[in-house]
Protein backbone atom coordinates (compact mmCIF):
# COMPACT_ATOMS: atom_id res chain seq x y z
CA MET A 1 -55.96 -31.58 12.28
CA PRO A 2 -56.16 -28.44 10.16
CA ARG A 3 -57.56 -28.50 6.61
CA TYR A 4 -55.97 -26.62 3.70
CA LEU A 5 -57.33 -25.38 0.39
CA THR A 6 -54.87 -25.41 -2.43
CA MET A 7 -55.88 -23.41 -5.45
CA ILE A 8 -54.12 -24.41 -8.62
CA ARG A 9 -53.43 -21.30 -10.71
CA ILE A 10 -52.76 -21.57 -14.41
CA GLU A 11 -52.52 -19.28 -17.42
CA GLU A 12 -55.66 -20.44 -19.16
CA GLY A 13 -55.01 -21.67 -22.69
CA SER A 14 -51.22 -21.66 -22.29
CA PHE A 15 -50.98 -25.46 -22.53
CA ARG A 16 -53.17 -28.42 -23.36
CA MET A 17 -53.42 -31.65 -21.40
CA GLU A 18 -52.99 -33.55 -24.69
CA ASP A 19 -49.51 -31.99 -25.00
CA ALA A 20 -48.21 -33.41 -21.74
CA ASP A 21 -45.40 -35.88 -21.89
CA PRO A 22 -46.41 -39.61 -21.99
CA GLY A 23 -45.61 -40.24 -18.32
CA PHE A 24 -47.54 -37.24 -16.95
CA GLU A 25 -50.86 -39.03 -16.19
CA ALA A 26 -49.06 -42.03 -14.62
CA ARG A 27 -46.99 -39.72 -12.32
CA MET A 28 -50.11 -37.75 -11.33
CA GLY A 29 -52.03 -40.99 -10.69
CA ALA A 30 -49.29 -42.32 -8.49
CA LEU A 31 -49.11 -39.05 -6.45
CA PHE A 32 -52.87 -38.99 -5.95
CA GLU A 33 -52.83 -42.65 -4.84
CA GLU A 34 -50.05 -41.90 -2.40
CA ILE A 35 -51.70 -38.77 -0.91
CA THR A 36 -55.03 -40.64 -0.67
CA LYS A 37 -53.48 -43.58 1.09
CA ALA A 38 -51.70 -41.22 3.51
CA GLY A 39 -55.18 -39.97 4.51
CA VAL A 40 -54.36 -36.43 3.48
CA MET A 41 -56.51 -35.89 0.41
CA LEU A 42 -60.16 -35.01 1.15
CA GLU A 43 -61.18 -33.79 -2.29
CA THR A 44 -59.66 -32.61 -5.58
CA ALA A 45 -60.87 -31.59 -9.00
CA GLY A 46 -60.06 -29.58 -12.05
CA LEU A 47 -62.34 -26.66 -13.08
CA LYS A 48 -64.04 -26.03 -16.42
CA PRO A 49 -62.62 -23.12 -18.40
CA THR A 50 -63.66 -19.52 -17.64
CA SER A 51 -65.57 -19.42 -20.93
CA GLU A 52 -68.18 -21.55 -19.04
CA ALA A 53 -68.13 -19.39 -15.89
CA THR A 54 -70.02 -16.43 -14.45
CA ARG A 55 -68.74 -13.98 -11.91
CA VAL A 56 -71.23 -12.56 -9.44
CA THR A 57 -70.14 -9.28 -7.82
CA TRP A 58 -71.42 -7.01 -5.17
CA THR A 59 -70.58 -3.35 -5.70
CA ASP A 60 -72.22 -0.20 -4.37
CA GLY A 61 -75.13 -2.26 -3.01
CA ARG A 62 -75.84 -3.89 -6.36
CA ILE A 63 -75.36 -7.34 -7.78
CA GLY A 64 -73.55 -7.67 -11.09
CA TYR A 65 -72.93 -10.60 -13.44
CA THR A 66 -70.11 -11.08 -15.87
CA ASP A 67 -70.06 -14.10 -18.14
CA GLY A 68 -66.66 -15.60 -19.06
CA PRO A 69 -64.20 -15.77 -20.51
CA PHE A 70 -62.54 -13.11 -18.37
CA THR A 71 -60.07 -11.58 -20.80
CA GLU A 72 -58.71 -9.09 -18.26
CA THR A 73 -57.46 -12.05 -16.12
CA LYS A 74 -54.22 -13.63 -17.13
CA GLU A 75 -54.03 -16.27 -14.37
CA VAL A 76 -57.11 -18.28 -13.32
CA ILE A 77 -57.88 -21.02 -10.80
CA GLY A 78 -57.79 -24.19 -12.88
CA GLY A 79 -58.39 -26.63 -10.03
CA TYR A 80 -58.27 -27.16 -6.28
CA SER A 81 -57.57 -29.66 -3.56
CA LEU A 82 -58.81 -29.93 -0.03
CA THR A 83 -56.37 -31.68 2.27
CA GLN A 84 -56.02 -32.37 5.97
CA CYS A 85 -52.40 -32.04 7.09
CA ARG A 86 -50.44 -31.81 10.33
CA ASP A 87 -49.43 -28.25 9.51
CA MET A 88 -48.71 -25.73 6.76
CA ALA A 89 -45.30 -27.26 6.13
CA GLU A 90 -46.88 -30.65 5.24
CA ALA A 91 -49.52 -28.97 3.05
CA ILE A 92 -46.75 -27.08 1.17
CA GLU A 93 -44.67 -30.28 0.75
CA TRP A 94 -47.64 -31.99 -0.95
CA SER A 95 -48.12 -28.97 -3.23
CA LYS A 96 -44.44 -28.95 -4.09
CA ARG A 97 -44.67 -32.70 -5.08
CA PHE A 98 -47.79 -31.97 -7.10
CA LEU A 99 -45.99 -29.18 -9.03
CA GLU A 100 -42.95 -31.41 -9.67
CA VAL A 101 -45.13 -33.94 -11.47
CA HIS A 102 -45.89 -31.39 -14.23
CA PRO A 103 -43.87 -30.94 -17.41
CA PRO A 104 -41.13 -28.34 -16.83
CA GLU A 105 -42.33 -26.02 -19.61
CA TRP A 106 -45.77 -25.56 -17.99
CA LYS A 107 -46.37 -22.63 -15.60
CA VAL A 108 -48.47 -23.78 -12.66
CA THR A 109 -48.80 -22.10 -9.26
CA CYS A 110 -50.31 -23.48 -6.03
CA GLU A 111 -51.74 -21.14 -3.45
CA VAL A 112 -52.01 -22.93 -0.11
CA ARG A 113 -54.34 -21.52 2.52
CA GLU A 114 -55.42 -22.92 5.85
CA ILE A 115 -59.17 -23.11 6.33
CA GLU A 116 -60.37 -21.13 9.26
CA GLU A 117 -62.44 -23.46 11.44
CA MET A 118 -65.50 -21.89 13.06
């Protein structure tokens, strides 16, 4: 069965978890329990802010390092999940359900990509 990487894109600093409505954590917990019981979720995690990150680049045959925060970037990857689904449609459906758990005023995007198996 194919695996999918879902990258959770957020506008860093545009909302705080503490500002979520009171039912947010319970809804998220219920969804994670359901997706785990379905045997779909392989791994998931949030990421620390870009202020604690370093970008390593390769340009013109040279390595470069840039410490965060990355002010030129509006949208960043705030988390990810690794799932195993029947097909892309199922992976997208789980991502849709994940987004629907969030408060309506938050802007969150999921990029779903199939992992190329070697």
